[in-house]
Amino acid sequence: MLTSNLQPLWQESTQEEIRKRIEVMVDMWQKDQLSLEVQNRMMTLTQALSEHNYDKAWSVHQSLIVDYTTTCSPWMVGIKTLIAESRSLSEATLGQDEGNKFETGDAVPVSNEGEESVSKVSSIK
């Protein structure tokens, strides 16, 4: 399921709300109540989420709301929450890793055959 990797970090009520909404979408999909276009866009949105491309996922989410309001309204709030929570978790995780990143122009220690020296980072990780 879409939320399986993130569940331990979310409030139980948030998890439950997302799960319920996604179950509605899955049920509609299985009953063939979603058009092929909605299915394709949801596949694109899911792929974007799995690649941590939250801007693309958000864009697909918005286009679904505008173009298929009636079809998507029962479950799209869950998808919106999933995107927002995933983005927040990703940003929080990145914030914890900040000590491991170097910016362009930073001086970093470099070892060259046992000799210590300093080099400038030429690109951002």
PDB file of N, CA and C in Angstrom:
ATOM      1  N   MET A   1       0.835  -1.184   0.000  1.00  0.00           N
ATOM      2  CA  MET A   1       0.000   0.000   0.000  1.00  0.00           C
ATOM      3  C   MET A   1       0.882   1.251   0.000  1.00  0.00           C
ATOM      4  N   LEU A   2       0.354   2.337  -0.478  1.00  0.00           N
ATOM      5  CA  LEU A   2       1.101   3.581  -0.615  1.00  0.00           C
ATOM      6  C   LEU A   2       1.670   4.088   0.699  1.00  0.00           C
ATOM      7  N   THR A   3       1.013   3.854   1.811  1.00  0.00           N
ATOM      8  CA  THR A   3       1.430   4.441   3.070  1.00  0.00           C
ATOM      9  C   THR A   3       2.281   3.525   3.926  1.00  0.00           C
ATOM     10  N   SER A   4       2.603   2.336   3.476  1.00  0.00           N
ATOM     11  CA  SER A   4       3.259   1.348   4.331  1.00  0.00           C
ATOM     12  C   SER A   4       4.614   1.796   4.869  1.00  0.00           C
ATOM     13  N   ASN A   5       5.415   2.518   4.108  1.00  0.00           N
ATOM     14  CA  ASN A   5       6.731   2.948   4.569  1.00  0.00           C
ATOM     15  C   ASN A   5       6.675   4.123   5.528  1.00  0.00           C
ATOM     16  N   LEU A   6       5.578   4.836   5.557  1.00  0.00           N
ATOM     17  CA  LEU A   6       5.505   6.074   6.320  1.00  0.00           C
ATOM     18  C   LEU A   6       4.683   5.945   7.589  1.00  0.00           C
ATOM     19  N   GLN A   7       3.918   4.889   7.740  1.00  0.00           N
ATOM     20  CA  GLN A   7       2.965   4.770   8.822  1.00  0.00           C
ATOM     21  C   GLN A   7       3.537   4.976  10.213  1.00  0.00           C
ATOM     22  N   PRO A   8       4.712   4.445  10.550  1.00  0.00           N
ATOM     23  CA  PRO A   8       5.179   4.624  11.928  1.00  0.00           C
ATOM     24  C   PRO A   8       5.389   6.083  12.319  1.00  0.00           C
ATOM     25  N   LEU A   9       5.528   6.972  11.365  1.00  0.00           N
ATOM     26  CA  LEU A   9       5.851   8.359  11.653  1.00  0.00           C
ATOM     27  C   LEU A   9       4.630   9.280  11.658  1.00  0.00           C
ATOM     28  N   TRP A  10       3.474   8.770  11.292  1.00  0.00           N
ATOM     29  CA  TRP A  10       2.274   9.591  11.222  1.00  0.00           C
ATOM     30  C   TRP A  10       1.362   9.298  12.388  1.00  0.00           C
ATOM     31  N   GLN A  11       0.533  10.271  12.719  1.00  0.00           N
ATOM     32  CA  GLN A  11      -0.476  10.060  13.742  1.00  0.00           C
ATOM     33  C   GLN A  11      -1.456   8.999  13.258  1.00  0.00           C
ATOM     34  N   GLU A  12      -1.965   8.239  14.182  1.00  0.00           N
ATOM     35  CA  GLU A  12      -2.889   7.162  13.834  1.00  0.00           C
ATOM     36  C   GLU A  12      -4.114   7.686  13.098  1.00  0.00           C
ATOM     37  N   SER A  13      -4.641   8.827  13.502  1.00  0.00           N
ATOM     38  CA  SER A  13      -5.825   9.382  12.843  1.00  0.00           C
ATOM     39  C   SER A  13      -5.528   9.751  11.390  1.00  0.00           C
ATOM     40  N   THR A  14      -4.326  10.267  11.132  1.00  0.00           N
ATOM     41  CA  THR A  14      -3.928  10.604   9.764  1.00  0.00           C
ATOM     42  C   THR A  14      -3.805   9.345   8.930  1.00  0.00           C
ATOM     43  N   GLN A  15      -3.181   8.330   9.485  1.00  0.00           N
ATOM     44  CA  GLN A  15      -3.045   7.056   8.787  1.00  0.00           C
ATOM     45  C   GLN A  15      -4.412   6.488   8.426  1.00  0.00           C
ATOM     46  N   GLU A  16      -5.306   6.511   9.385  1.00  0.00           N
ATOM     47  CA  GLU A  16      -6.639   5.935   9.179  1.00  0.00           C
ATOM     48  C   GLU A  16      -7.399   6.702   8.105  1.00  0.00           C
ATOM     49  N   GLU A  17      -7.308   8.020   8.130  1.00  0.00           N
ATOM     50  CA  GLU A  17      -8.005   8.839   7.127  1.00  0.00           C
ATOM     51  C   GLU A  17      -7.474   8.545   5.724  1.00  0.00           C
ATOM     52  N   ILE A  18      -6.172   8.485   5.589  1.00  0.00           N
ATOM     53  CA  ILE A  18      -5.574   8.185   4.284  1.00  0.00           C
ATOM     54  C   ILE A  18      -5.993   6.790   3.831  1.00  0.00           C
ATOM     55  N   ARG A  19      -5.910   5.828   4.735  1.00  0.00           N
ATOM     56  CA  ARG A  19      -6.264   4.447   4.388  1.00  0.00           C
ATOM     57  C   ARG A  19      -7.710   4.347   3.910  1.00  0.00           C
ATOM     58  N   LYS A  20      -8.627   4.977   4.621  1.00  0.00           N
ATOM     59  CA  LYS A  20     -10.040   4.933   4.242  1.00  0.00           C
ATOM     60  C   LYS A  20     -10.261   5.532   2.850  1.00  0.00           C
ATOM     61  N   ARG A  21      -9.648   6.665   2.608  1.00  0.00           N
ATOM     62  CA  ARG A  21      -9.832   7.335   1.311  1.00  0.00           C
ATOM     63  C   ARG A  21      -9.240   6.506   0.172  1.00  0.00           C
ATOM     64  N   ILE A  22      -8.073   5.938   0.407  1.00  0.00           N
ATOM     65  CA  ILE A  22      -7.450   5.117  -0.632  1.00  0.00           C
ATOM     66  C   ILE A  22      -8.289   3.863  -0.885  1.00  0.00           C
ATOM     67  N   GLU A  23      -8.877   3.303   0.171  1.00  0.00           N
ATOM     68  CA  GLU A  23      -9.750   2.138  -0.010  1.00  0.00           C
ATOM     69  C   GLU A  23     -10.948   2.476  -0.893  1.00  0.00           C
ATOM     70  N   VAL A  24     -11.490   3.689  -0.749  1.00  0.00           N
ATOM     71  CA  VAL A  24     -12.593   4.127  -1.604  1.00  0.00           C
ATOM     72  C   VAL A  24     -12.138   4.161  -3.057  1.00  0.00           C
ATOM     73  N   MET A  25     -10.940   4.737  -3.292  1.00  0.00           N
ATOM     74  CA  MET A  25     -10.417   4.798  -4.651  1.00  0.00           C
ATOM     75  C   MET A  25     -10.202   3.393  -5.223  1.00  0.00           C
ATOM     76  N   VAL A  26      -9.588   2.528  -4.437  1.00  0.00           N
ATOM     77  CA  VAL A  26      -9.319   1.157  -4.895  1.00  0.00           C
ATOM     78  C   VAL A  26     -10.630   0.453  -5.226  1.00  0.00           C
ATOM     79  N   ASP A  27     -11.627   0.621  -4.368  1.00  0.00           N
ATOM     80  CA  ASP A  27     -12.931   0.000  -4.610  1.00  0.00           C
ATOM     81  C   ASP A  27     -13.541   0.501  -5.918  1.00  0.00           C
ATOM     82  N   MET A  28     -13.483   1.811  -6.144  1.00  0.00           N
ATOM     83  CA  MET A  28     -14.007   2.378  -7.394  1.00  0.00           C
ATOM     84  C   MET A  28     -13.235   1.840  -8.594  1.00  0.00           C
ATOM     85  N   TRP A  29     -11.928   1.725  -8.454  1.00  0.00           N
ATOM     86  CA  TRP A  29     -11.076   1.221  -9.533  1.00  0.00           C
ATOM     87  C   TRP A  29     -11.460  -0.230  -9.855  1.00  0.00           C
ATOM     88  N   GLN A  30     -11.585  -1.050  -8.814  1.00  0.00           N
ATOM     89  CA  GLN A  30     -11.918  -2.463  -9.008  1.00  0.00           C
ATOM     90  C   GLN A  30     -13.313  -2.655  -9.595  1.00  0.00           C
ATOM     91  N   LYS A  31     -14.205  -1.735  -9.314  1.00  0.00           N
ATOM     92  CA  LYS A  31     -15.564  -1.801  -9.865  1.00  0.00           C
ATOM     93  C   LYS A  31     -15.647  -1.127 -11.233  1.00  0.00           C
ATOM     94  N   ASP A  32     -14.490  -0.753 -11.773  1.00  0.00           N
ATOM     95  CA  ASP A  32     -14.400  -0.115 -13.087  1.00  0.00           C
ATOM     96  C   ASP A  32     -15.178   1.205 -13.147  1.00  0.00           C
ATOM     97  N   GLN A  33     -15.146   1.950 -12.025  1.00  0.00           N
ATOM     98  CA  GLN A  33     -15.842   3.231 -11.953  1.00  0.00           C
ATOM     99  C   GLN A  33     -14.913   4.418 -12.211  1.00  0.00           C
ATOM    100  N   LEU A  34     -13.639   4.136 -12.456  1.00  0.00           N
ATOM    101  CA  LEU A  34     -12.686   5.196 -12.786  1.00  0.00           C
ATOM    102  C   LEU A  34     -12.347   5.097 -14.261  1.00  0.00           C
ATOM    103  N   SER A  35     -12.388   6.233 -14.936  1.00  0.00           N
ATOM    104  CA  SER A  35     -12.046   6.243 -16.363  1.00  0.00           C
ATOM    105  C   SER A  35     -10.577   5.862 -16.543  1.00  0.00           C
ATOM    106  N   LEU A  36     -10.257   5.472 -17.745  1.00  0.00           N
ATOM    107  CA  LEU A  36      -8.875   5.119 -18.062  1.00  0.00           C
ATOM    108  C   LEU A  36      -7.945   6.309 -17.819  1.00  0.00           C
ATOM    109  N   GLU A  37      -8.419   7.509 -18.116  1.00  0.00           N
ATOM    110  CA  GLU A  37      -7.598   8.703 -17.895  1.00  0.00           C
ATOM    111  C   GLU A  37      -7.311   8.920 -16.409  1.00  0.00           C
ATOM    112  N   VAL A  38      -8.315   8.729 -15.551  1.00  0.00           N
ATOM    113  CA  VAL A  38      -8.102   8.865 -14.102  1.00  0.00           C
ATOM    114  C   VAL A  38      -7.121   7.798 -13.632  1.00  0.00           C
ATOM    115  N   GLN A  39      -7.281   6.581 -14.120  1.00  0.00           N
ATOM    116  CA  GLN A  39      -6.365   5.502 -13.752  1.00  0.00           C
ATOM    117  C   GLN A  39      -4.934   5.839 -14.172  1.00  0.00           C
ATOM    118  N   ASN A  40      -4.775   6.321 -15.396  1.00  0.00           N
ATOM    119  CA  ASN A  40      -3.433   6.669 -15.888  1.00  0.00           C
ATOM    120  C   ASN A  40      -2.811   7.790 -15.065  1.00  0.00           C
ATOM    121  N   ARG A  41      -3.600   8.787 -14.734  1.00  0.00           N
ATOM    122  CA  ARG A  41      -3.068   9.893 -13.931  1.00  0.00           C
ATOM    123  C   ARG A  41      -2.702   9.429 -12.528  1.00  0.00           C
ATOM    124  N   MET A  42      -3.499   8.528 -11.963  1.00  0.00           N
ATOM    125  CA  MET A  42      -3.165   8.003 -10.636  1.00  0.00           C
ATOM    126  C   MET A  42      -1.890   7.165 -10.691  1.00  0.00           C
ATOM    127  N   MET A  43      -1.677   6.464 -11.776  1.00  0.00           N
ATOM    128  CA  MET A  43      -0.422   5.717 -11.940  1.00  0.00           C
ATOM    129  C   MET A  43       0.750   6.701 -12.002  1.00  0.00           C
ATOM    130  N   THR A  44       0.570   7.805 -12.718  1.00  0.00           N
ATOM    131  CA  THR A  44       1.605   8.836 -12.809  1.00  0.00           C
ATOM    132  C   THR A  44       1.865   9.452 -11.435  1.00  0.00           C
ATOM    133  N   LEU A  45       0.801   9.743 -10.705  1.00  0.00           N
ATOM    134  CA  LEU A  45       0.933  10.316  -9.376  1.00  0.00           C
ATOM    135  C   LEU A  45       1.668   9.353  -8.437  1.00  0.00           C
ATOM    136  N   THR A  46       1.307   8.086  -8.497  1.00  0.00           N
ATOM    137  CA  THR A  46       1.958   7.080  -7.662  1.00  0.00           C
ATOM    138  C   THR A  46       3.437   6.966  -7.988  1.00  0.00           C
ATOM    139  N   GLN A  47       3.765   6.994  -9.274  1.00  0.00           N
ATOM    140  CA  GLN A  47       5.163   6.927  -9.695  1.00  0.00           C
ATOM    141  C   GLN A  47       5.923   8.152  -9.177  1.00  0.00           C
ATOM    142  N   ALA A  48       5.304   9.318  -9.282  1.00  0.00           N
ATOM    143  CA  ALA A  48       5.948  10.543  -8.794  1.00  0.00           C
ATOM    144  C   ALA A  48       6.206  10.451  -7.289  1.00  0.00           C
ATOM    145  N   LEU A  49       5.242   9.944  -6.532  1.00  0.00           N
ATOM    146  CA  LEU A  49       5.437   9.782  -5.092  1.00  0.00           C
ATOM    147  C   LEU A  49       6.567   8.808  -4.793  1.00  0.00           C
ATOM    148  N   SER A  50       6.622   7.710  -5.529  1.00  0.00           N
ATOM    149  CA  SER A  50       7.670   6.720  -5.263  1.00  0.00           C
ATOM    150  C   SER A  50       9.051   7.270  -5.597  1.00  0.00           C
ATOM    151  N   GLU A  51       9.108   8.261  -6.477  1.00  0.00           N
ATOM    152  CA  GLU A  51      10.372   8.910  -6.837  1.00  0.00           C
ATOM    153  C   GLU A  51      10.623  10.167  -6.004  1.00  0.00           C
ATOM    154  N   HIS A  52       9.770  10.419  -5.014  1.00  0.00           N
ATOM    155  CA  HIS A  52       9.872  11.606  -4.152  1.00  0.00           C
ATOM    156  C   HIS A  52       9.750  12.900  -4.950  1.00  0.00           C
ATOM    157  N   ASN A  53       9.023  12.852  -6.054  1.00  0.00           N
ATOM    158  CA  ASN A  53       8.786  14.037  -6.872  1.00  0.00           C
ATOM    159  C   ASN A  53       7.429  14.618  -6.455  1.00  0.00           C
ATOM    160  N   TYR A  54       7.431  15.324  -5.328  1.00  0.00           N
ATOM    161  CA  TYR A  54       6.193  15.796  -4.732  1.00  0.00           C
ATOM    162  C   TYR A  54       5.542  16.910  -5.541  1.00  0.00           C
ATOM    163  N   ASP A  55       6.323  17.701  -6.236  1.00  0.00           N
ATOM    164  CA  ASP A  55       5.748  18.750  -7.079  1.00  0.00           C
ATOM    165  C   ASP A  55       4.928  18.133  -8.217  1.00  0.00           C
ATOM    166  N   LYS A  56       5.463  17.100  -8.843  1.00  0.00           N
ATOM    167  CA  LYS A  56       4.732  16.431  -9.919  1.00  0.00           C
ATOM    168  C   LYS A  56       3.481  15.741  -9.369  1.00  0.00           C
ATOM    169  N   ALA A  57       3.606  15.061  -8.238  1.00  0.00           N
ATOM    170  CA  ALA A  57       2.451  14.403  -7.632  1.00  0.00           C
ATOM    171  C   ALA A  57       1.364  15.426  -7.320  1.00  0.00           C
ATOM    172  N   TRP A  58       1.769  16.578  -6.785  1.00  0.00           N
ATOM    173  CA  TRP A  58       0.807  17.633  -6.453  1.00  0.00           C
ATOM    174  C   TRP A  58       0.134  18.161  -7.720  1.00  0.00           C
ATOM    175  N   SER A  59       0.893  18.335  -8.766  1.00  0.00           N
ATOM    176  CA  SER A  59       0.349  18.819 -10.028  1.00  0.00           C
ATOM    177  C   SER A  59      -0.689  17.846 -10.605  1.00  0.00           C
ATOM    178  N   VAL A  60      -0.378  16.560 -10.566  1.00  0.00           N
ATOM    179  CA  VAL A  60      -1.322  15.550 -11.061  1.00  0.00           C
ATOM    180  C   VAL A  60      -2.569  15.551 -10.182  1.00  0.00           C
ATOM    181  N   HIS A  61      -2.369  15.648  -8.878  1.00  0.00           N
ATOM    182  CA  HIS A  61      -3.492  15.722  -7.932  1.00  0.00           C
ATOM    183  C   HIS A  61      -4.415  16.886  -8.290  1.00  0.00           C
ATOM    184  N   GLN A  62      -3.833  18.051  -8.515  1.00  0.00           N
ATOM    185  CA  GLN A  62      -4.639  19.225  -8.848  1.00  0.00           C
ATOM    186  C   GLN A  62      -5.375  19.057 -10.169  1.00  0.00           C
ATOM    187  N   SER A  63      -4.709  18.487 -11.158  1.00  0.00           N
ATOM    188  CA  SER A  63      -5.371  18.301 -12.451  1.00  0.00           C
ATOM    189  C   SER A  63      -6.536  17.320 -12.341  1.00  0.00           C
ATOM    190  N   LEU A  64      -6.394  16.300 -11.516  1.00  0.00           N
ATOM    191  CA  LEU A  64      -7.499  15.361 -11.304  1.00  0.00           C
ATOM    192  C   LEU A  64      -8.689  16.050 -10.635  1.00  0.00           C
ATOM    193  N   ILE A  65      -8.407  16.891  -9.662  1.00  0.00           N
ATOM    194  CA  ILE A  65      -9.486  17.607  -8.972  1.00  0.00           C
ATOM    195  C   ILE A  65     -10.233  18.519  -9.944  1.00  0.00           C
ATOM    196  N   VAL A  66      -9.501  19.206 -10.800  1.00  0.00           N
ATOM    197  CA  VAL A  66     -10.125  20.138 -11.740  1.00  0.00           C
ATOM    198  C   VAL A  66     -10.893  19.383 -12.830  1.00  0.00           C
ATOM    199  N   ASP A  67     -10.272  18.365 -13.388  1.00  0.00           N
ATOM    200  CA  ASP A  67     -10.857  17.686 -14.545  1.00  0.00           C
ATOM    201  C   ASP A  67     -11.879  16.603 -14.194  1.00  0.00           C
ATOM    202  N   TYR A  68     -11.790  16.027 -13.008  1.00  0.00           N
ATOM    203  CA  TYR A  68     -12.663  14.905 -12.629  1.00  0.00           C
ATOM    204  C   TYR A  68     -13.180  15.072 -11.205  1.00  0.00           C
ATOM    205  N   THR A  69     -13.706  16.246 -10.907  1.00  0.00           N
ATOM    206  CA  THR A  69     -14.138  16.590  -9.553  1.00  0.00           C
ATOM    207  C   THR A  69     -15.100  15.564  -8.970  1.00  0.00           C
ATOM    208  N   THR A  70     -16.150  15.245  -9.679  1.00  0.00           N
ATOM    209  CA  THR A  70     -17.176  14.337  -9.166  1.00  0.00           C
ATOM    210  C   THR A  70     -16.607  12.954  -8.886  1.00  0.00           C
ATOM    211  N   THR A  71     -15.797  12.451  -9.788  1.00  0.00           N
ATOM    212  CA  THR A  71     -15.224  11.118  -9.634  1.00  0.00           C
ATOM    213  C   THR A  71     -14.238  11.060  -8.477  1.00  0.00           C
ATOM    214  N   CYS A  72     -13.399  12.075  -8.360  1.00  0.00           N
ATOM    215  CA  CYS A  72     -12.279  12.038  -7.410  1.00  0.00           C
ATOM    216  C   CYS A  72     -12.603  12.573  -6.021  1.00  0.00           C
ATOM    217  N   SER A  73     -13.667  13.347  -5.886  1.00  0.00           N
ATOM    218  CA  SER A  73     -13.924  14.006  -4.603  1.00  0.00           C
ATOM    219  C   SER A  73     -14.072  13.053  -3.411  1.00  0.00           C
ATOM    220  N   PRO A  74     -14.589  11.833  -3.576  1.00  0.00           N
ATOM    221  CA  PRO A  74     -14.707  10.963  -2.394  1.00  0.00           C
ATOM    222  C   PRO A  74     -13.364  10.518  -1.804  1.00  0.00           C
ATOM    223  N   TRP A  75     -12.315  10.540  -2.572  1.00  0.00           N
ATOM    224  CA  TRP A  75     -11.037   9.995  -2.097  1.00  0.00           C
ATOM    225  C   TRP A  75      -9.839  10.911  -2.268  1.00  0.00           C
ATOM    226  N   MET A  76      -9.969  12.002  -2.982  1.00  0.00           N
ATOM    227  CA  MET A  76      -8.807  12.833  -3.287  1.00  0.00           C
ATOM    228  C   MET A  76      -8.227  13.527  -2.060  1.00  0.00           C
ATOM    229  N   VAL A  77      -9.021  13.769  -1.030  1.00  0.00           N
ATOM    230  CA  VAL A  77      -8.488  14.373   0.195  1.00  0.00           C
ATOM    231  C   VAL A  77      -7.420  13.453   0.798  1.00  0.00           C
ATOM    232  N   GLY A  78      -7.633  12.157   0.724  1.00  0.00           N
ATOM    233  CA  GLY A  78      -6.632  11.208   1.222  1.00  0.00           C
ATOM    234  C   GLY A  78      -5.342  11.283   0.434  1.00  0.00           C
ATOM    235  N   ILE A  79      -5.454  11.434  -0.885  1.00  0.00           N
ATOM    236  CA  ILE A  79      -4.268  11.544  -1.736  1.00  0.00           C
ATOM    237  C   ILE A  79      -3.547  12.854  -1.433  1.00  0.00           C
ATOM    238  N   LYS A  80      -4.315  13.925  -1.264  1.00  0.00           N
ATOM    239  CA  LYS A  80      -3.725  15.231  -0.925  1.00  0.00           C
ATOM    240  C   LYS A  80      -2.939  15.129   0.390  1.00  0.00           C
ATOM    241  N   THR A  81      -3.533  14.495   1.388  1.00  0.00           N
ATOM    242  CA  THR A  81      -2.867  14.330   2.680  1.00  0.00           C
ATOM    243  C   THR A  81      -1.630  13.466   2.543  1.00  0.00           C
ATOM    244  N   LEU A  82      -1.727  12.406   1.749  1.00  0.00           N
ATOM    245  CA  LEU A  82      -0.587  11.522   1.524  1.00  0.00           C
ATOM    246  C   LEU A  82       0.582  12.287   0.911  1.00  0.00           C
ATOM    247  N   ILE A  83       0.312  13.106  -0.077  1.00  0.00           N
ATOM    248  CA  ILE A  83       1.366  13.904  -0.715  1.00  0.00           C
ATOM    249  C   ILE A  83       1.979  14.876   0.293  1.00  0.00           C
ATOM    250  N   ALA A  84       1.123  15.590   1.020  1.00  0.00           N
ATOM    251  CA  ALA A  84       1.608  16.585   1.984  1.00  0.00           C
ATOM    252  C   ALA A  84       2.428  15.929   3.096  1.00  0.00           C
ATOM    253  N   GLU A  85       1.950  14.827   3.631  1.00  0.00           N
ATOM    254  CA  GLU A  85       2.671  14.135   4.704  1.00  0.00           C
ATOM    255  C   GLU A  85       3.983  13.541   4.196  1.00  0.00           C
ATOM    256  N   SER A  86       3.964  13.014   2.979  1.00  0.00           N
ATOM    257  CA  SER A  86       5.188  12.458   2.391  1.00  0.00           C
ATOM    258  C   SER A  86       6.232  13.547   2.200  1.00  0.00           C
ATOM    259  N   ARG A  87       5.789  14.698   1.699  1.00  0.00           N
ATOM    260  CA  ARG A  87       6.700  15.836   1.515  1.00  0.00           C
ATOM    261  C   ARG A  87       7.284  16.277   2.853  1.00  0.00           C
ATOM    262  N   SER A  88       6.435  16.413   3.873  1.00  0.00           N
ATOM    263  CA  SER A  88       6.900  16.837   5.198  1.00  0.00           C
ATOM    264  C   SER A  88       7.900  15.853   5.773  1.00  0.00           C
ATOM    265  N   LEU A  89       7.614  14.573   5.636  1.00  0.00           N
ATOM    266  CA  LEU A  89       8.522  13.551   6.146  1.00  0.00           C
ATOM    267  C   LEU A  89       9.853  13.611   5.412  1.00  0.00           C
ATOM    268  N   SER A  90       9.795  13.790   4.107  1.00  0.00           N
ATOM    269  CA  SER A  90      11.011  13.871   3.305  1.00  0.00           C
ATOM    270  C   SER A  90      11.844  15.079   3.717  1.00  0.00           C
ATOM    271  N   GLU A  91      11.189  16.220   3.907  1.00  0.00           N
ATOM    272  CA  GLU A  91      11.905  17.427   4.312  1.00  0.00           C
ATOM    273  C   GLU A  91      12.497  17.266   5.704  1.00  0.00           C
ATOM    274  N   ALA A  92      11.778  16.615   6.599  1.00  0.00           N
ATOM    275  CA  ALA A  92      12.294  16.380   7.951  1.00  0.00           C
ATOM    276  C   ALA A  92      13.506  15.459   7.905  1.00  0.00           C
ATOM    277  N   THR A  93      13.436  14.436   7.074  1.00  0.00           N
ATOM    278  CA  THR A  93      14.547  13.505   6.924  1.00  0.00           C
ATOM    279  C   THR A  93      15.753  14.213   6.323  1.00  0.00           C
ATOM    280  N   LEU A  94      15.529  15.058   5.320  1.00  0.00           N
ATOM    281  CA  LEU A  94      16.630  15.815   4.725  1.00  0.00           C
ATOM    282  C   LEU A  94      17.261  16.740   5.749  1.00  0.00           C
ATOM    283  N   GLY A  95      16.438  17.340   6.600  1.00  0.00           N
ATOM    284  CA  GLY A  95      16.949  18.224   7.638  1.00  0.00           C
ATOM    285  C   GLY A  95      17.874  17.502   8.597  1.00  0.00           C
ATOM    286  N   GLN A  96      17.583  16.237   8.869  1.00  0.00           N
ATOM    287  CA  GLN A  96      18.435  15.440   9.744  1.00  0.00           C
ATOM    288  C   GLN A  96      19.751  15.098   9.073  1.00  0.00           C
ATOM    289  N   ASP A  97      19.754  15.018   7.752  1.00  0.00           N
ATOM    290  CA  ASP A  97      20.955  14.650   7.007  1.00  0.00           C
ATOM    291  C   ASP A  97      21.797  15.854   6.611  1.00  0.00           C
ATOM    292  N   GLU A  98      21.388  17.065   6.999  1.00  0.00           N
ATOM    293  CA  GLU A  98      22.095  18.270   6.569  1.00  0.00           C
ATOM    294  C   GLU A  98      23.575  18.243   6.932  1.00  0.00           C
ATOM    295  N   GLY A  99      23.923  17.616   8.026  1.00  0.00           N
ATOM    296  CA  GLY A  99      25.318  17.558   8.431  1.00  0.00           C
ATOM    297  C   GLY A  99      26.178  16.758   7.461  1.00  0.00           C
ATOM    298  N   ASN A 100      25.566  15.971   6.608  1.00  0.00           N
ATOM    299  CA  ASN A 100      26.310  15.127   5.669  1.00  0.00           C
ATOM    300  C   ASN A 100      26.420  15.737   4.279  1.00  0.00           C
ATOM    301  N   LYS A 101      25.891  16.943   4.078  1.00  0.00           N
ATOM    302  CA  LYS A 101      25.888  17.553   2.757  1.00  0.00           C
ATOM    303  C   LYS A 101      26.938  18.650   2.669  1.00  0.00           C
ATOM    304  N   PHE A 102      27.443  18.833   1.480  1.00  0.00           N
ATOM    305  CA  PHE A 102      28.377  19.925   1.212  1.00  0.00           C
ATOM    306  C   PHE A 102      27.783  20.791   0.122  1.00  0.00           C
ATOM    307  N   GLU A 103      28.022  22.068   0.213  1.00  0.00           N
ATOM    308  CA  GLU A 103      27.577  23.016  -0.790  1.00  0.00           C
ATOM    309  C   GLU A 103      28.745  23.374  -1.703  1.00  0.00           C
ATOM    310  N   THR A 104      28.433  23.854  -2.900  1.00  0.00           N
ATOM    311  CA  THR A 104      29.463  24.294  -3.816  1.00  0.00           C
ATOM    312  C   THR A 104      30.336  25.349  -3.148  1.00  0.00           C
ATOM    313  N   GLY A 105      31.640  25.158  -3.234  1.00  0.00           N
ATOM    314  CA  GLY A 105      32.587  26.097  -2.660  1.00  0.00           C
ATOM    315  C   GLY A 105      33.024  25.753  -1.249  1.00  0.00           C
ATOM    316  N   ASP A 106      32.371  24.773  -0.605  1.00  0.00           N
ATOM    317  CA  ASP A 106      32.782  24.363   0.738  1.00  0.00           C
ATOM    318  C   ASP A 106      34.152  23.702   0.690  1.00  0.00           C
ATOM    319  N   ALA A 107      34.943  23.939   1.722  1.00  0.00           N
ATOM    320  CA  ALA A 107      36.236  23.258   1.858  1.00  0.00           C
ATOM    321  C   ALA A 107      35.985  21.928   2.536  1.00  0.00           C
ATOM    322  N   VAL A 108      36.457  20.850   1.934  1.00  0.00           N
ATOM    323  CA  VAL A 108      36.279  19.515   2.494  1.00  0.00           C
ATOM    324  C   VAL A 108      37.618  18.809   2.551  1.00  0.00           C
ATOM    325  N   PRO A 109      37.832  17.971   3.572  1.00  0.00           N
ATOM    326  CA  PRO A 109      39.101  17.237   3.661  1.00  0.00           C
ATOM    327  C   PRO A 109      39.185  16.186   2.567  1.00  0.00           C
ATOM    328  N   VAL A 110      40.364  16.060   1.975  1.00  0.00           N
ATOM    329  CA  VAL A 110      40.604  15.087   0.919  1.00  0.00           C
ATOM    330  C   VAL A 110      41.886  14.345   1.247  1.00  0.00           C
ATOM    331  N   SER A 111      41.880  13.046   1.044  1.00  0.00           N
ATOM    332  CA  SER A 111      43.081  12.260   1.301  1.00  0.00           C
ATOM    333  C   SER A 111      43.684  11.836  -0.029  1.00  0.00           C
ATOM    334  N   ASN A 112      44.977  12.080  -0.197  1.00  0.00           N
ATOM    335  CA  ASN A 112      45.674  11.707  -1.428  1.00  0.00           C
ATOM    336  C   ASN A 112      46.909  10.915  -1.041  1.00  0.00           C
ATOM    337  N   GLU A 113      46.815   9.603  -1.128  1.00  0.00           N
ATOM    338  CA  GLU A 113      47.915   8.702  -0.786  1.00  0.00           C
ATOM    339  C   GLU A 113      48.507   9.026   0.578  1.00  0.00           C
ATOM    340  N   GLY A 114      47.636   9.108   1.588  1.00  0.00           N
ATOM    341  CA  GLY A 114      48.095   9.333   2.951  1.00  0.00           C
ATOM    342  C   GLY A 114      48.287  10.783   3.318  1.00  0.00           C
ATOM    343  N   GLU A 115      48.283  11.705   2.362  1.00  0.00           N
ATOM    344  CA  GLU A 115      48.458  13.120   2.662  1.00  0.00           C
ATOM    345  C   GLU A 115      47.098  13.785   2.770  1.00  0.00           C
ATOM    346  N   GLU A 116      46.906  14.529   3.847  1.00  0.00           N
ATOM    347  CA  GLU A 116      45.659  15.253   4.043  1.00  0.00           C
ATOM    348  C   GLU A 116      45.745  16.602   3.351  1.00  0.00           C
ATOM    349  N   SER A 117      44.674  16.992   2.675  1.00  0.00           N
ATOM    350  CA  SER A 117      44.603  18.312   2.062  1.00  0.00           C
ATOM    351  C   SER A 117      43.139  18.746   2.051  1.00  0.00           C
ATOM    352  N   VAL A 118      42.905  19.946   1.546  1.00  0.00           N
ATOM    353  CA  VAL A 118      41.551  20.481   1.466  1.00  0.00           C
ATOM    354  C   VAL A 118      41.243  20.785   0.012  1.00  0.00           C
ATOM    355  N   SER A 119      40.018  20.469  -0.377  1.00  0.00           N
ATOM    356  CA  SER A 119      39.581  20.725  -1.748  1.00  0.00           C
ATOM    357  C   SER A 119      38.252  21.445  -1.697  1.00  0.00           C
ATOM    358  N   LYS A 120      37.923  22.156  -2.751  1.00  0.00           N
ATOM    359  CA  LYS A 120      36.628  22.830  -2.852  1.00  0.00           C
ATOM    360  C   LYS A 120      35.647  21.922  -3.572  1.00  0.00           C
ATOM    361  N   VAL A 121      34.429  21.860  -3.077  1.00  0.00           N
ATOM    362  CA  VAL A 121      33.369  21.089  -3.724  1.00  0.00           C
ATOM    363  C   VAL A 121      32.963  21.834  -4.995  1.00  0.00           C
ATOM    364  N   SER A 122      32.946  21.117  -6.122  1.00  0.00           N
ATOM    365  CA  SER A 122      32.621  21.791  -7.382  1.00  0.00           C
ATOM    366  C   SER A 122      31.190  21.608  -7.805  1.00  0.00           C
ATOM    367  N   SER A 123      30.430  20.747  -7.142  1.00  0.00           N
ATOM    368  CA  SER A 123      29.021  20.611  -7.466  1.00  0.00           C
ATOM    369  C   SER A 123      28.256  20.224  -6.223  1.00  0.00           C
ATOM    370  N   ILE A 124      26.964  20.493  -6.238  1.00  0.00           N
ATOM    371  CA  ILE A 124      26.106  20.194  -5.102  1.00  0.00           C
ATOM    372  C   ILE A 124      25.630  18.764  -5.212  1.00  0.00           C
ATOM    373  N   LYS A 125      25.668  18.064  -4.101  1.00  0.00           N
ATOM    374  CA  LYS A 125      25.193  16.673  -4.049  1.00  0.00           C
ATOM    375  C   LYS A 125      23.738  16.586  -4.338  1.00  0.00           C
TER     376      LYS A 125
END
